[in-house]
């Protein structure tokens, strides 16, 4: 996890494999060929997807609603927190750019 949106060799935290995080902001960095996400906790930025190769560092997991029922796939071994779908976020960013928003 980096302190800033820019790619960096300096980390403020390290996430283990299968760590579930909440992404609160998504940015498509054409210069870095990355989709970057700002995390709620630990506060910082991670790469979510390489837009050139398609490689993903993170994928969205299903969440559980307040009523207790789940929608989509749910891995019960993980905490019931939202993670992130880099492909969906990239498509949303492309749609926003195409519409001029």
N, C-alpha and C. Protein backbone atom coordinates (compact mmCIF):
# COMPACT_ATOMS: atom_id res chain seq x y z
N UNK A 1 0.86 -1.17 0.00
CA UNK A 1 0.00 0.00 0.00
C UNK A 1 0.90 1.23 0.00
N UNK A 2 0.67 2.12 -0.97
CA UNK A 2 1.46 3.35 -1.07
C UNK A 2 0.69 4.52 -0.47
N UNK A 3 1.43 5.54 -0.08
CA UNK A 3 0.80 6.71 0.53
C UNK A 3 0.08 7.58 -0.48
N UNK A 4 0.52 7.53 -1.75
CA UNK A 4 -0.06 8.41 -2.77
C UNK A 4 -0.59 7.61 -3.95
N UNK A 5 -1.35 8.29 -4.78
CA UNK A 5 -1.93 7.67 -5.97
C UNK A 5 -0.85 7.24 -6.97
N UNK A 6 0.25 7.98 -7.03
CA UNK A 6 1.33 7.68 -7.96
C UNK A 6 2.01 6.37 -7.59
N UNK A 7 2.48 5.65 -8.62
CA UNK A 7 3.25 4.44 -8.35
C UNK A 7 4.49 4.80 -7.55
N UNK A 8 4.85 3.93 -6.63
CA UNK A 8 5.97 4.23 -5.74
C UNK A 8 6.63 2.94 -5.27
N UNK A 9 7.92 3.03 -5.00
CA UNK A 9 8.64 1.91 -4.40
C UNK A 9 8.58 1.97 -2.88
N UNK A 10 7.96 3.02 -2.37
CA UNK A 10 7.85 3.21 -0.93
C UNK A 10 6.45 2.80 -0.46
N UNK A 11 6.39 1.86 0.47
CA UNK A 11 5.12 1.34 0.96
C UNK A 11 4.88 1.80 2.39
N UNK A 12 3.59 1.97 2.71
CA UNK A 12 3.22 2.30 4.09
C UNK A 12 2.62 1.09 4.79
N UNK A 13 2.22 0.09 3.99
CA UNK A 13 1.67 -1.16 4.54
C UNK A 13 1.79 -2.23 3.47
N UNK A 14 1.71 -3.48 3.89
CA UNK A 14 1.73 -4.61 2.96
C UNK A 14 0.52 -5.48 3.24
N UNK A 15 -0.19 -5.85 2.17
CA UNK A 15 -1.38 -6.69 2.31
C UNK A 15 -1.03 -8.13 1.96
N UNK A 16 -1.54 -9.05 2.74
CA UNK A 16 -1.34 -10.46 2.44
C UNK A 16 -2.30 -10.92 1.35
N UNK A 17 -2.00 -12.05 0.77
CA UNK A 17 -2.86 -12.64 -0.25
C UNK A 17 -4.25 -12.87 0.34
N UNK A 18 -5.28 -12.60 -0.45
CA UNK A 18 -6.69 -12.77 -0.07
C UNK A 18 -7.17 -11.79 1.00
N UNK A 19 -6.40 -10.74 1.26
CA UNK A 19 -6.86 -9.71 2.19
C UNK A 19 -8.04 -8.97 1.56
N UNK A 20 -9.11 -8.80 2.32
CA UNK A 20 -10.28 -8.07 1.84
C UNK A 20 -10.15 -6.62 2.29
N UNK A 21 -10.30 -5.70 1.35
CA UNK A 21 -10.20 -4.28 1.65
C UNK A 21 -11.39 -3.55 1.05
N UNK A 22 -11.65 -2.34 1.53
CA UNK A 22 -12.70 -1.50 0.97
C UNK A 22 -12.03 -0.42 0.13
N UNK A 23 -12.37 -0.39 -1.17
CA UNK A 23 -11.86 0.62 -2.09
C UNK A 23 -12.87 1.76 -2.13
N UNK A 24 -12.42 2.98 -1.82
CA UNK A 24 -13.33 4.12 -1.74
C UNK A 24 -13.20 5.07 -2.91
N UNK A 25 -12.17 4.89 -3.74
CA UNK A 25 -11.97 5.73 -4.92
C UNK A 25 -11.18 4.94 -5.95
N UNK A 26 -11.51 5.14 -7.22
CA UNK A 26 -10.83 4.45 -8.32
C UNK A 26 -10.36 5.48 -9.33
N UNK A 27 -9.11 5.31 -9.81
CA UNK A 27 -8.53 6.23 -10.78
C UNK A 27 -7.86 5.41 -11.88
N UNK A 28 -8.13 5.79 -13.14
CA UNK A 28 -7.47 5.18 -14.28
C UNK A 28 -6.26 6.03 -14.63
N UNK A 29 -5.07 5.50 -14.39
CA UNK A 29 -3.83 6.23 -14.66
C UNK A 29 -3.26 5.75 -15.99
N UNK A 30 -3.58 6.49 -17.05
CA UNK A 30 -3.11 6.12 -18.39
C UNK A 30 -1.59 6.13 -18.47
N UNK A 31 -0.95 7.06 -17.79
CA UNK A 31 0.52 7.17 -17.81
C UNK A 31 1.15 5.89 -17.25
N UNK A 32 0.60 5.39 -16.14
CA UNK A 32 1.14 4.20 -15.50
C UNK A 32 0.54 2.91 -16.03
N UNK A 33 -0.49 3.03 -16.88
CA UNK A 33 -1.21 1.86 -17.41
C UNK A 33 -1.77 1.01 -16.27
N UNK A 34 -2.37 1.70 -15.29
CA UNK A 34 -2.91 1.04 -14.11
C UNK A 34 -4.26 1.63 -13.74
N UNK A 35 -5.09 0.80 -13.16
CA UNK A 35 -6.25 1.26 -12.42
C UNK A 35 -5.81 1.21 -10.97
N UNK A 36 -5.89 2.35 -10.28
CA UNK A 36 -5.45 2.44 -8.90
C UNK A 36 -6.66 2.65 -8.01
N UNK A 37 -6.60 2.10 -6.81
CA UNK A 37 -7.70 2.24 -5.87
C UNK A 37 -7.22 2.81 -4.55
N UNK A 38 -8.01 3.74 -4.01
CA UNK A 38 -7.69 4.30 -2.69
C UNK A 38 -8.42 3.49 -1.64
N UNK A 39 -7.69 2.99 -0.67
CA UNK A 39 -8.23 2.13 0.36
C UNK A 39 -8.72 2.92 1.56
N UNK A 40 -9.76 2.39 2.18
CA UNK A 40 -10.26 2.97 3.42
C UNK A 40 -9.31 2.65 4.58
N UNK A 41 -8.92 1.37 4.67
CA UNK A 41 -8.06 0.93 5.76
C UNK A 41 -7.27 -0.30 5.32
N UNK A 42 -5.98 -0.26 5.28
CA UNK A 42 -5.13 0.86 5.65
C UNK A 42 -5.28 2.00 4.63
N UNK A 43 -5.24 3.22 5.10
CA UNK A 43 -5.39 4.39 4.23
C UNK A 43 -4.20 4.45 3.28
N UNK A 44 -4.47 4.37 1.99
CA UNK A 44 -3.41 4.42 0.99
C UNK A 44 -3.93 3.94 -0.35
N UNK A 45 -3.04 3.73 -1.29
CA UNK A 45 -3.38 3.38 -2.67
C UNK A 45 -2.73 2.06 -3.08
N UNK A 46 -3.48 1.28 -3.88
CA UNK A 46 -2.94 0.04 -4.45
C UNK A 46 -3.27 -0.01 -5.94
N UNK A 47 -2.49 -0.78 -6.68
CA UNK A 47 -2.83 -1.06 -8.07
C UNK A 47 -3.87 -2.17 -8.07
N UNK A 48 -4.91 -1.96 -8.88
CA UNK A 48 -5.98 -2.95 -8.97
C UNK A 48 -5.85 -3.77 -10.25
N UNK A 49 -5.46 -3.09 -11.34
CA UNK A 49 -5.34 -3.79 -12.60
C UNK A 49 -4.34 -3.09 -13.50
N UNK A 50 -3.58 -3.89 -14.27
CA UNK A 50 -2.70 -3.38 -15.31
C UNK A 50 -3.55 -3.26 -16.56
N UNK A 51 -3.75 -2.05 -17.08
CA UNK A 51 -4.64 -1.85 -18.23
C UNK A 51 -4.02 -2.30 -19.55
N UNK A 52 -2.72 -2.51 -19.56
CA UNK A 52 -2.06 -2.98 -20.78
C UNK A 52 -2.15 -4.51 -20.90
N UNK A 53 -1.85 -5.21 -19.83
CA UNK A 53 -1.84 -6.68 -19.87
C UNK A 53 -3.16 -7.29 -19.38
N UNK A 54 -3.93 -6.51 -18.61
CA UNK A 54 -5.16 -7.04 -18.03
C UNK A 54 -4.95 -7.72 -16.69
N UNK A 55 -3.69 -7.84 -16.24
CA UNK A 55 -3.40 -8.51 -14.97
C UNK A 55 -4.10 -7.79 -13.83
N UNK A 56 -4.70 -8.56 -12.93
CA UNK A 56 -5.41 -8.01 -11.77
C UNK A 56 -4.69 -8.36 -10.48
N UNK A 57 -4.61 -7.38 -9.62
CA UNK A 57 -4.12 -7.62 -8.27
C UNK A 57 -5.29 -7.78 -7.30
N UNK A 58 -6.48 -7.34 -7.71
CA UNK A 58 -7.65 -7.40 -6.83
C UNK A 58 -8.91 -7.68 -7.64
N UNK A 59 -9.86 -8.38 -7.03
CA UNK A 59 -11.15 -8.68 -7.64
C UNK A 59 -12.23 -8.44 -6.60
N UNK A 60 -13.41 -8.07 -7.08
CA UNK A 60 -14.53 -7.81 -6.18
C UNK A 60 -15.07 -9.12 -5.64
N UNK A 61 -15.45 -9.10 -4.38
CA UNK A 61 -16.11 -10.25 -3.78
C UNK A 61 -17.53 -9.84 -3.43
N UNK A 62 -18.43 -10.80 -3.36
CA UNK A 62 -19.82 -10.53 -3.03
C UNK A 62 -19.93 -10.05 -1.59
N UNK A 63 -20.98 -9.30 -1.33
CA UNK A 63 -21.21 -8.81 0.03
C UNK A 63 -22.55 -9.33 0.53
N UNK A 64 -22.77 -9.17 1.80
CA UNK A 64 -24.01 -9.62 2.42
C UNK A 64 -24.79 -8.39 2.83
N UNK A 65 -26.10 -8.36 2.48
CA UNK A 65 -26.89 -7.18 2.84
C UNK A 65 -27.36 -7.27 4.28
N UNK A 66 -28.00 -6.18 4.75
CA UNK A 66 -28.42 -6.08 6.15
C UNK A 66 -29.42 -7.16 6.53
N UNK A 67 -30.22 -7.63 5.58
CA UNK A 67 -31.21 -8.67 5.86
C UNK A 67 -30.62 -10.05 6.00
N UNK A 68 -29.34 -10.19 5.69
CA UNK A 68 -28.67 -11.48 5.85
C UNK A 68 -28.60 -12.31 4.59
N UNK A 69 -29.30 -11.91 3.53
CA UNK A 69 -29.22 -12.69 2.30
C UNK A 69 -28.07 -12.18 1.46
N UNK A 70 -27.48 -13.08 0.67
CA UNK A 70 -26.35 -12.67 -0.14
C UNK A 70 -26.75 -12.59 -1.60
N UNK A 71 -26.02 -11.80 -2.34
CA UNK A 71 -26.25 -11.71 -3.78
C UNK A 71 -24.94 -12.07 -4.46
N UNK A 72 -25.00 -12.95 -5.44
CA UNK A 72 -23.79 -13.37 -6.11
C UNK A 72 -22.99 -14.35 -5.28
N UNK A 73 -21.73 -14.51 -5.65
CA UNK A 73 -20.85 -15.48 -5.00
C UNK A 73 -20.37 -14.93 -3.68
N UNK A 74 -20.30 -15.76 -2.68
CA UNK A 74 -19.84 -15.36 -1.34
C UNK A 74 -18.83 -16.38 -0.84
N UNK A 75 -17.66 -15.94 -0.51
CA UNK A 75 -16.67 -16.82 0.09
C UNK A 75 -16.80 -16.66 1.60
N UNK A 76 -17.39 -17.63 2.26
CA UNK A 76 -17.69 -17.51 3.68
C UNK A 76 -16.45 -17.48 4.55
N UNK A 77 -15.31 -17.83 4.02
CA UNK A 77 -14.08 -17.77 4.81
C UNK A 77 -13.55 -16.35 4.94
N UNK A 78 -14.08 -15.44 4.13
CA UNK A 78 -13.62 -14.05 4.16
C UNK A 78 -14.59 -13.19 4.94
N UNK A 79 -14.13 -12.07 5.49
CA UNK A 79 -15.03 -11.13 6.16
C UNK A 79 -16.07 -10.60 5.18
N UNK A 80 -17.23 -10.22 5.67
CA UNK A 80 -18.32 -9.74 4.84
C UNK A 80 -18.15 -8.26 4.53
N UNK A 81 -17.06 -7.92 3.84
CA UNK A 81 -16.77 -6.54 3.45
C UNK A 81 -16.61 -6.50 1.94
N UNK A 82 -16.99 -5.38 1.32
CA UNK A 82 -16.80 -5.29 -0.13
C UNK A 82 -15.33 -5.17 -0.48
N UNK A 83 -14.95 -5.77 -1.58
CA UNK A 83 -13.61 -5.57 -2.11
C UNK A 83 -13.76 -4.78 -3.40
N UNK A 84 -13.22 -5.25 -4.49
CA UNK A 84 -13.20 -4.41 -5.67
C UNK A 84 -13.15 -5.21 -6.95
N UNK A 85 -13.88 -4.76 -7.97
CA UNK A 85 -13.85 -5.36 -9.30
C UNK A 85 -13.18 -4.37 -10.24
N UNK A 86 -11.92 -4.57 -10.52
CA UNK A 86 -11.15 -3.64 -11.34
C UNK A 86 -11.72 -3.56 -12.75
N UNK A 87 -12.16 -4.67 -13.30
CA UNK A 87 -12.69 -4.68 -14.67
C UNK A 87 -13.94 -3.80 -14.75
N UNK A 88 -14.84 -3.94 -13.80
CA UNK A 88 -16.06 -3.13 -13.79
C UNK A 88 -15.72 -1.64 -13.62
N UNK A 89 -14.81 -1.33 -12.73
CA UNK A 89 -14.41 0.06 -12.51
C UNK A 89 -13.76 0.65 -13.76
N UNK A 90 -12.95 -0.14 -14.46
CA UNK A 90 -12.32 0.33 -15.68
C UNK A 90 -13.38 0.62 -16.74
N UNK A 91 -14.36 -0.26 -16.87
CA UNK A 91 -15.44 -0.03 -17.83
C UNK A 91 -16.22 1.23 -17.48
N UNK A 92 -16.49 1.44 -16.20
CA UNK A 92 -17.20 2.64 -15.77
C UNK A 92 -16.39 3.89 -16.09
N UNK A 93 -15.07 3.85 -15.86
CA UNK A 93 -14.22 4.99 -16.18
C UNK A 93 -14.22 5.26 -17.68
N UNK A 94 -14.14 4.21 -18.49
CA UNK A 94 -14.16 4.38 -19.94
C UNK A 94 -15.49 4.98 -20.40
N UNK A 95 -16.60 4.54 -19.79
CA UNK A 95 -17.92 5.09 -20.13
C UNK A 95 -18.00 6.56 -19.77
N UNK A 96 -17.47 6.93 -18.61
CA UNK A 96 -17.48 8.34 -18.18
C UNK A 96 -16.65 9.19 -19.14
N UNK A 97 -15.49 8.68 -19.54
CA UNK A 97 -14.64 9.44 -20.47
C UNK A 97 -15.33 9.60 -21.81
N UNK A 98 -15.99 8.53 -22.27
CA UNK A 98 -16.67 8.58 -23.57
C UNK A 98 -17.83 9.57 -23.56
N UNK A 99 -18.49 9.70 -22.41
CA UNK A 99 -19.63 10.61 -22.32
C UNK A 99 -19.21 12.03 -21.92
N UNK A 100 -17.91 12.22 -21.64
CA UNK A 100 -17.40 13.54 -21.31
C UNK A 100 -17.62 13.96 -19.86
N UNK A 101 -17.95 13.02 -18.99
CA UNK A 101 -18.16 13.36 -17.58
C UNK A 101 -16.87 13.34 -16.81
